[in-house]
Amino acid sequence: MSSFRPDGIGTVTVEEKERFEEIKERLRILLENQITHFRYCFPFGRPEGALKATLSLLERVLMKDIVTPAPQEEVKTVIRKCLEQAALVNYSRLSEYAKIEGKKREMYEHPVFCLASQVMDLTILSIEGTEREYMDNYARPTVGRGWAQLDFRVHIGVE
């Protein structure tokens, strides 16, 4: 039970204090994780002031009590640890990406892929050639219109 006296002094039970410390620890862990993965927490752009607000909240969570600020060395140590973990996360993701890209490169060099690529290229060239032939032989601009309003008609034997 909490009770507040008229002189402003309040009391907190041991159970409440323990619960508060658990929540505070969970929040500290969450904030450290968010700082570590900050680049990936906001995939569509980081909100203005998000990092500053997160660091400010972390600093408040690290405070020993309401009036005593957290020692700057402790805050710097926690942030340094987060940055080291962030570097490790970034390195891991980049090396995983490089492995995937390496596998893709190997796939592109595979003979079956090369053959399929050549067939695709020939198909595209054939389609482009057919389109050019159609434009040259079967389509003509309508008389009386400017180039900006060019209208193509297909010859079906009727003039």
C-alpha atoms as a PDB file:
ATOM      1  CA  MET A   1       0.000   0.000   0.000  1.00  0.00           C
ATOM      2  CA  SER A   2       1.124   3.471  -0.794  1.00  0.00           C
ATOM      3  CA  SER A   3       0.294   6.285   1.473  1.00  0.00           C
ATOM      4  CA  PHE A   4       1.030   9.952   1.191  1.00  0.00           C
ATOM      5  CA  ARG A   5       1.236  12.176   4.198  1.00  0.00           C
ATOM      6  CA  PRO A   6       0.220  15.850   4.146  1.00  0.00           C
ATOM      7  CA  ASP A   7       3.875  16.911   4.318  1.00  0.00           C
ATOM      8  CA  GLY A   8       4.544  15.292   0.882  1.00  0.00           C
ATOM      9  CA  ILE A   9       6.474  12.269   2.077  1.00  0.00           C
ATOM     10  CA  GLY A  10       5.207   9.022   0.577  1.00  0.00           C
ATOM     11  CA  THR A  11       5.815   5.416   1.401  1.00  0.00           C
ATOM     12  CA  VAL A  12       6.102   2.496  -0.983  1.00  0.00           C
ATOM     13  CA  THR A  13       5.913  -1.155  -0.053  1.00  0.00           C
ATOM     14  CA  VAL A  14       8.800  -3.492  -0.795  1.00  0.00           C
ATOM     15  CA  GLU A  15       6.611  -5.357  -3.292  1.00  0.00           C
ATOM     16  CA  GLU A  16       5.859  -2.119  -5.187  1.00  0.00           C
ATOM     17  CA  LYS A  17       9.522  -1.172  -5.222  1.00  0.00           C
ATOM     18  CA  GLU A  18      10.513  -4.599  -6.570  1.00  0.00           C
ATOM     19  CA  ARG A  19       7.838  -4.400  -9.268  1.00  0.00           C
ATOM     20  CA  PHE A  20       9.042  -0.902 -10.198  1.00  0.00           C
ATOM     21  CA  GLU A  21      12.641  -2.112 -10.471  1.00  0.00           C
ATOM     22  CA  GLU A  22      11.555  -5.029 -12.711  1.00  0.00           C
ATOM     23  CA  ILE A  23       9.702  -2.674 -15.051  1.00  0.00           C
ATOM     24  CA  LYS A  24      12.620  -0.243 -15.031  1.00  0.00           C
ATOM     25  CA  GLU A  25      15.031  -3.055 -15.959  1.00  0.00           C
ATOM     26  CA  ARG A  26      12.755  -4.258 -18.772  1.00  0.00           C
ATOM     27  CA  LEU A  27      12.542  -0.691 -20.104  1.00  0.00           C
ATOM     28  CA  ARG A  28      16.355  -0.348 -19.938  1.00  0.00           C
ATOM     29  CA  ILE A  29      16.784  -3.563 -21.937  1.00  0.00           C
ATOM     30  CA  LEU A  30      14.174  -2.438 -24.474  1.00  0.00           C
ATOM     31  CA  LEU A  31      15.858   0.960 -24.901  1.00  0.00           C
ATOM     32  CA  GLU A  32      19.308  -0.592 -25.292  1.00  0.00           C
ATOM     33  CA  ASN A  33      17.892  -2.930 -27.931  1.00  0.00           C
ATOM     34  CA  GLN A  34      16.227  -0.021 -29.741  1.00  0.00           C
ATOM     35  CA  ILE A  35      19.484   1.960 -29.749  1.00  0.00           C
ATOM     36  CA  THR A  36      21.403  -1.087 -30.967  1.00  0.00           C
ATOM     37  CA  HIS A  37      18.922  -1.766 -33.782  1.00  0.00           C
ATOM     38  CA  PHE A  38      18.004   1.896 -34.354  1.00  0.00           C
ATOM     39  CA  ARG A  39      18.759   1.731 -38.069  1.00  0.00           C
ATOM     40  CA  TYR A  40      16.290  -1.129 -38.466  1.00  0.00           C
ATOM     41  CA  CYS A  41      13.598   0.101 -36.028  1.00  0.00           C
ATOM     42  CA  PHE A  42      12.358   2.699 -38.513  1.00  0.00           C
ATOM     43  CA  PRO A  43      12.450   1.143 -41.999  1.00  0.00           C
ATOM     44  CA  PHE A  44      10.553   4.051 -43.610  1.00  0.00           C
ATOM     45  CA  GLY A  45      12.726   6.850 -42.291  1.00  0.00           C
ATOM     46  CA  ARG A  46      13.645   7.905 -38.810  1.00  0.00           C
ATOM     47  CA  PRO A  47      11.334  10.387 -37.061  1.00  0.00           C
ATOM     48  CA  GLU A  48      12.853  13.744 -36.214  1.00  0.00           C
ATOM     49  CA  GLY A  49      14.449  13.634 -32.759  1.00  0.00           C
ATOM     50  CA  ALA A  50      13.778   9.920 -32.194  1.00  0.00           C
ATOM     51  CA  LEU A  51      17.358   9.056 -31.265  1.00  0.00           C
ATOM     52  CA  LYS A  52      17.700  12.053 -28.968  1.00  0.00           C
ATOM     53  CA  ALA A  53      14.430  11.183 -27.200  1.00  0.00           C
ATOM     54  CA  THR A  54      15.470   7.528 -26.847  1.00  0.00           C
ATOM     55  CA  LEU A  55      18.837   8.503 -25.353  1.00  0.00           C
ATOM     56  CA  SER A  56      17.133  10.965 -23.004  1.00  0.00           C
ATOM     57  CA  LEU A  57      14.717   8.285 -21.810  1.00  0.00           C
ATOM     58  CA  LEU A  58      17.597   5.834 -21.321  1.00  0.00           C
ATOM     59  CA  GLU A  59      19.403   8.433 -19.237  1.00  0.00           C
ATOM     60  CA  ARG A  60      16.309   8.867 -17.054  1.00  0.00           C
ATOM     61  CA  VAL A  61      15.925   5.096 -16.666  1.00  0.00           C
ATOM     62  CA  LEU A  62      19.544   4.861 -15.512  1.00  0.00           C
ATOM     63  CA  MET A  63      18.902   7.442 -12.766  1.00  0.00           C
ATOM     64  CA  LYS A  64      19.163   6.051  -9.247  1.00  0.00           C
ATOM     65  CA  ASP A  65      16.286   8.163  -7.942  1.00  0.00           C
ATOM     66  CA  ILE A  66      14.142  11.080  -9.094  1.00  0.00           C
ATOM     67  CA  VAL A  67      16.592  13.857  -8.227  1.00  0.00           C
ATOM     68  CA  THR A  68      19.993  12.223  -8.750  1.00  0.00           C
ATOM     69  CA  PRO A  69      21.066  12.139 -12.401  1.00  0.00           C
ATOM     70  CA  ALA A  70      22.804   9.055 -13.715  1.00  0.00           C
ATOM     71  CA  PRO A  71      26.594   9.303 -13.730  1.00  0.00           C
ATOM     72  CA  GLN A  72      27.827  10.356 -17.182  1.00  0.00           C
ATOM     73  CA  GLU A  73      30.383   7.529 -17.232  1.00  0.00           C
ATOM     74  CA  GLU A  74      27.633   4.954 -16.728  1.00  0.00           C
ATOM     75  CA  VAL A  75      25.558   6.496 -19.545  1.00  0.00           C
ATOM     76  CA  LYS A  76      28.609   6.594 -21.844  1.00  0.00           C
ATOM     77  CA  THR A  77      29.406   2.963 -21.036  1.00  0.00           C
ATOM     78  CA  VAL A  78      25.873   1.804 -21.859  1.00  0.00           C
ATOM     79  CA  ILE A  79      25.830   3.807 -25.114  1.00  0.00           C
ATOM     80  CA  ARG A  80      29.301   2.511 -26.069  1.00  0.00           C
ATOM     81  CA  LYS A  81      28.074  -1.066 -25.494  1.00  0.00           C
ATOM     82  CA  CYS A  82      25.007  -0.380 -27.677  1.00  0.00           C
ATOM     83  CA  LEU A  83      27.177   1.054 -30.457  1.00  0.00           C
ATOM     84  CA  GLU A  84      29.509  -1.947 -30.344  1.00  0.00           C
ATOM     85  CA  GLN A  85      26.514  -4.285 -30.605  1.00  0.00           C
ATOM     86  CA  ALA A  86      25.081  -2.153 -33.442  1.00  0.00           C
ATOM     87  CA  ALA A  87      28.375  -2.468 -35.330  1.00  0.00           C
ATOM     88  CA  LEU A  88      28.243  -6.237 -34.865  1.00  0.00           C
ATOM     89  CA  VAL A  89      24.606  -6.365 -36.065  1.00  0.00           C
ATOM     90  CA  ASN A  90      25.440  -4.258 -39.133  1.00  0.00           C
ATOM     91  CA  TYR A  91      28.477  -6.405 -39.920  1.00  0.00           C
ATOM     92  CA  SER A  92      26.418  -9.595 -39.560  1.00  0.00           C
ATOM     93  CA  ARG A  93      23.688  -8.299 -41.856  1.00  0.00           C
ATOM     94  CA  LEU A  94      26.186  -7.076 -44.436  1.00  0.00           C
ATOM     95  CA  SER A  95      28.069 -10.372 -44.457  1.00  0.00           C
ATOM     96  CA  GLU A  96      24.792 -12.282 -44.775  1.00  0.00           C
ATOM     97  CA  TYR A  97      23.844 -10.014 -47.674  1.00  0.00           C
ATOM     98  CA  ALA A  98      27.253 -10.611 -49.266  1.00  0.00           C
ATOM     99  CA  LYS A  99      26.769 -14.381 -48.934  1.00  0.00           C
ATOM    100  CA  ILE A 100      23.374 -14.130 -50.630  1.00  0.00           C
ATOM    101  CA  GLU A 101      24.834 -11.934 -53.370  1.00  0.00           C
ATOM    102  CA  GLY A 102      27.693 -14.438 -53.796  1.00  0.00           C
ATOM    103  CA  LYS A 103      25.188 -17.254 -54.229  1.00  0.00           C
ATOM    104  CA  LYS A 104      23.283 -15.152 -56.763  1.00  0.00           C
ATOM    105  CA  ARG A 105      26.513 -14.502 -58.658  1.00  0.00           C
ATOM    106  CA  GLU A 106      27.242 -18.237 -58.698  1.00  0.00           C
ATOM    107  CA  MET A 107      23.711 -18.829 -59.955  1.00  0.00           C
ATOM    108  CA  TYR A 108      24.226 -16.301 -62.762  1.00  0.00           C
ATOM    109  CA  GLU A 109      27.362 -18.140 -63.843  1.00  0.00           C
ATOM    110  CA  HIS A 110      25.579 -21.525 -63.972  1.00  0.00           C
ATOM    111  CA  PRO A 111      25.320 -22.872 -67.580  1.00  0.00           C
ATOM    112  CA  VAL A 112      21.541 -23.359 -67.404  1.00  0.00           C
ATOM    113  CA  PHE A 113      21.045 -19.766 -66.277  1.00  0.00           C
ATOM    114  CA  CYS A 114      23.355 -18.519 -69.035  1.00  0.00           C
ATOM    115  CA  LEU A 115      21.361 -20.452 -71.635  1.00  0.00           C
ATOM    116  CA  ALA A 116      18.050 -19.156 -70.236  1.00  0.00           C
ATOM    117  CA  SER A 117      19.463 -15.634 -70.259  1.00  0.00           C
ATOM    118  CA  GLN A 118      20.463 -15.965 -73.905  1.00  0.00           C
ATOM    119  CA  VAL A 119      17.001 -17.292 -74.827  1.00  0.00           C
ATOM    120  CA  MET A 120      15.414 -14.341 -72.986  1.00  0.00           C
ATOM    121  CA  ASP A 121      17.664 -11.878 -74.827  1.00  0.00           C
ATOM    122  CA  LEU A 122      16.779 -13.421 -78.193  1.00  0.00           C
ATOM    123  CA  THR A 123      13.067 -13.355 -77.323  1.00  0.00           C
ATOM    124  CA  ILE A 124      13.252  -9.678 -76.389  1.00  0.00           C
ATOM    125  CA  LEU A 125      15.121  -8.886 -79.624  1.00  0.00           C
ATOM    126  CA  SER A 126      12.505 -10.819 -81.601  1.00  0.00           C
ATOM    127  CA  ILE A 127       9.642  -8.934 -79.936  1.00  0.00           C
ATOM    128  CA  GLU A 128      11.339  -5.604 -80.561  1.00  0.00           C
ATOM    129  CA  GLY A 129      11.921  -6.561 -84.210  1.00  0.00           C
ATOM    130  CA  THR A 130       8.272  -7.569 -84.617  1.00  0.00           C
ATOM    131  CA  GLU A 131       7.130  -4.280 -83.110  1.00  0.00           C
ATOM    132  CA  ARG A 132       9.427  -2.329 -85.465  1.00  0.00           C
ATOM    133  CA  GLU A 133       8.175  -4.297 -88.473  1.00  0.00           C
ATOM    134  CA  TYR A 134       4.568  -3.661 -87.460  1.00  0.00           C
ATOM    135  CA  MET A 135       5.205   0.061 -87.051  1.00  0.00           C
ATOM    136  CA  ASP A 136       6.994   0.265 -90.423  1.00  0.00           C
ATOM    137  CA  ASN A 137       4.578  -1.822 -92.503  1.00  0.00           C
ATOM    138  CA  TYR A 138       1.126  -1.828 -90.945  1.00  0.00           C
ATOM    139  CA  ALA A 139       0.633   1.437 -89.127  1.00  0.00           C
ATOM    140  CA  ARG A 140       0.405   4.874 -90.656  1.00  0.00           C
ATOM    141  CA  PRO A 141      -0.391   8.266 -89.161  1.00  0.00           C
ATOM    142  CA  THR A 142      -3.854   9.721 -89.779  1.00  0.00           C
ATOM    143  CA  VAL A 143      -3.866  12.660 -92.184  1.00  0.00           C
ATOM    144  CA  GLY A 144      -4.752  16.092 -90.828  1.00  0.00           C
ATOM    145  CA  ARG A 145      -3.321  15.768 -87.335  1.00  0.00           C
ATOM    146  CA  GLY A 146      -0.155  17.221 -85.914  1.00  0.00           C
ATOM    147  CA  TRP A 147       2.698  15.073 -84.619  1.00  0.00           C
ATOM    148  CA  ALA A 148       1.573  15.706 -81.043  1.00  0.00           C
ATOM    149  CA  GLN A 149      -1.734  13.987 -81.761  1.00  0.00           C
ATOM    150  CA  LEU A 150      -0.388  11.120 -83.834  1.00  0.00           C
ATOM    151  CA  ASP A 151      -2.990   8.372 -84.281  1.00  0.00           C
ATOM    152  CA  PHE A 152      -2.053   5.000 -85.760  1.00  0.00           C
ATOM    153  CA  ARG A 153      -4.485   2.878 -87.747  1.00  0.00           C
ATOM    154  CA  VAL A 154      -4.008  -0.680 -88.875  1.00  0.00           C
ATOM    155  CA  HIS A 155      -4.450  -1.526 -92.569  1.00  0.00           C
ATOM    156  CA  ILE A 156      -6.985  -4.308 -92.979  1.00  0.00           C
ATOM    157  CA  GLY A 157      -7.448  -3.819 -96.674  1.00  0.00           C
ATOM    158  CA  VAL A 158      -9.868  -0.905 -96.283  1.00  0.00           C
ATOM    159  CA  GLU A 159      -8.526   2.541 -97.083  1.00  0.00           C
END
